[in-house]
Amino acid sequence: MSALLHWFQPWYPSFPMAVSLLGGALLYLRGSLRRRTQWWKQMWFWLGWSLIYLGLQTQWDYYAEHQFFIHMLQQMALHDLGPLLVMLAWPVPTWRAGIGAGVRSRWLVPFMRWAPMRVMTNFMLNAWVAAAMFSGLVVFWLVPVIHVGVMLNTPLYQFMNWTMVFDGLLFWWLMLDPRPAPPAHLRPGLRIVLPILAMIPQMVLGAVLALNSTDWYPIYSLCGRALSGISPLTDQHLGGLILWIPASGLNVVAAMVALRNWMRLSDRERLPPSRRQVQAQRRAAHSRAAG
């Protein structure tokens, strides 16, 4: 029992992380009590949210700092799988219900309309910026020179984890939005294409790490690896395989979900007319007017 409890003790206790995770969980719980939320959506949300918590505030953090392939498993959980599961549940309406109408109208809406906030959100919600950030952050934090600094600096390490979670939630929120555009920020077709494009850089980097014969991350040997019997190159190859195949494969899953959402909108005739359809309608209107 003591060993099990020890596993759930955070390696790096972080009050802001704990408060943010607890706040998100309580808002969702409150919202699910105020509005009807399907059981399967609640299941996906709690699975994803729990996975993010485990990646941030348990002993997983210790092993991630002392074994490269475990670090890659952690980053996949924080950046890809955890946020993907959360957004599969589409928790936005439930979170909104948990906040309450009074707080939204008095505080949240004015804050979101604040000019600096609008500039920042317009930039980050741009389709190509979001895709570049999603793949770019993975590559950035794995640049060997930067990675050494991250492993030796606790605040920077926690900042890296924060950025991975935030970026994952943001990207999957844009890609898995089940609504037509507008109110969704991206057109349904773009939500299918972008996950495929975004996975290419991390697939390339994963393949390079998995097939390379040079140890790019000797910092793990200097700090002491958590698991004995695994050579540095084997450790790196395993980490590269995780980035190359399962982490990238989640983008394909997301593209399939986006395709399903598109088909559902089409069946319900909720898609906006295409440019060709609009032009055909205009020509038909002109013909009727001329006749």
Foldseek 3Di string as FASTA:
>chain_A
DVVVVQQQAFPDDDPVVVCVLVVVVQLLVQLVVVDPADPQLVVLQVVLSVLLSSLGGGCLVVQLLQFVQSVLVSLLSQQPRSLLSNCVSVSVNSSVSSCDPVCCVPPVVVVCVPVVNVVVCVQCLDLVNLLCLSLVLVVVCPQLVNVLVLSVDPVSVSVSSVSSNVSNNSLLNLLLVLAAPVVRSDHLVSSLPSLLVSLVNLLVQLVCQQPPPDQSHCVSVVVHHPDPPQDSSNSSNSSSVCSNPVSSVSSNVSSVSSVVSVVVCVVVVNYDDDPVVVVVVVVVVVVVVVD
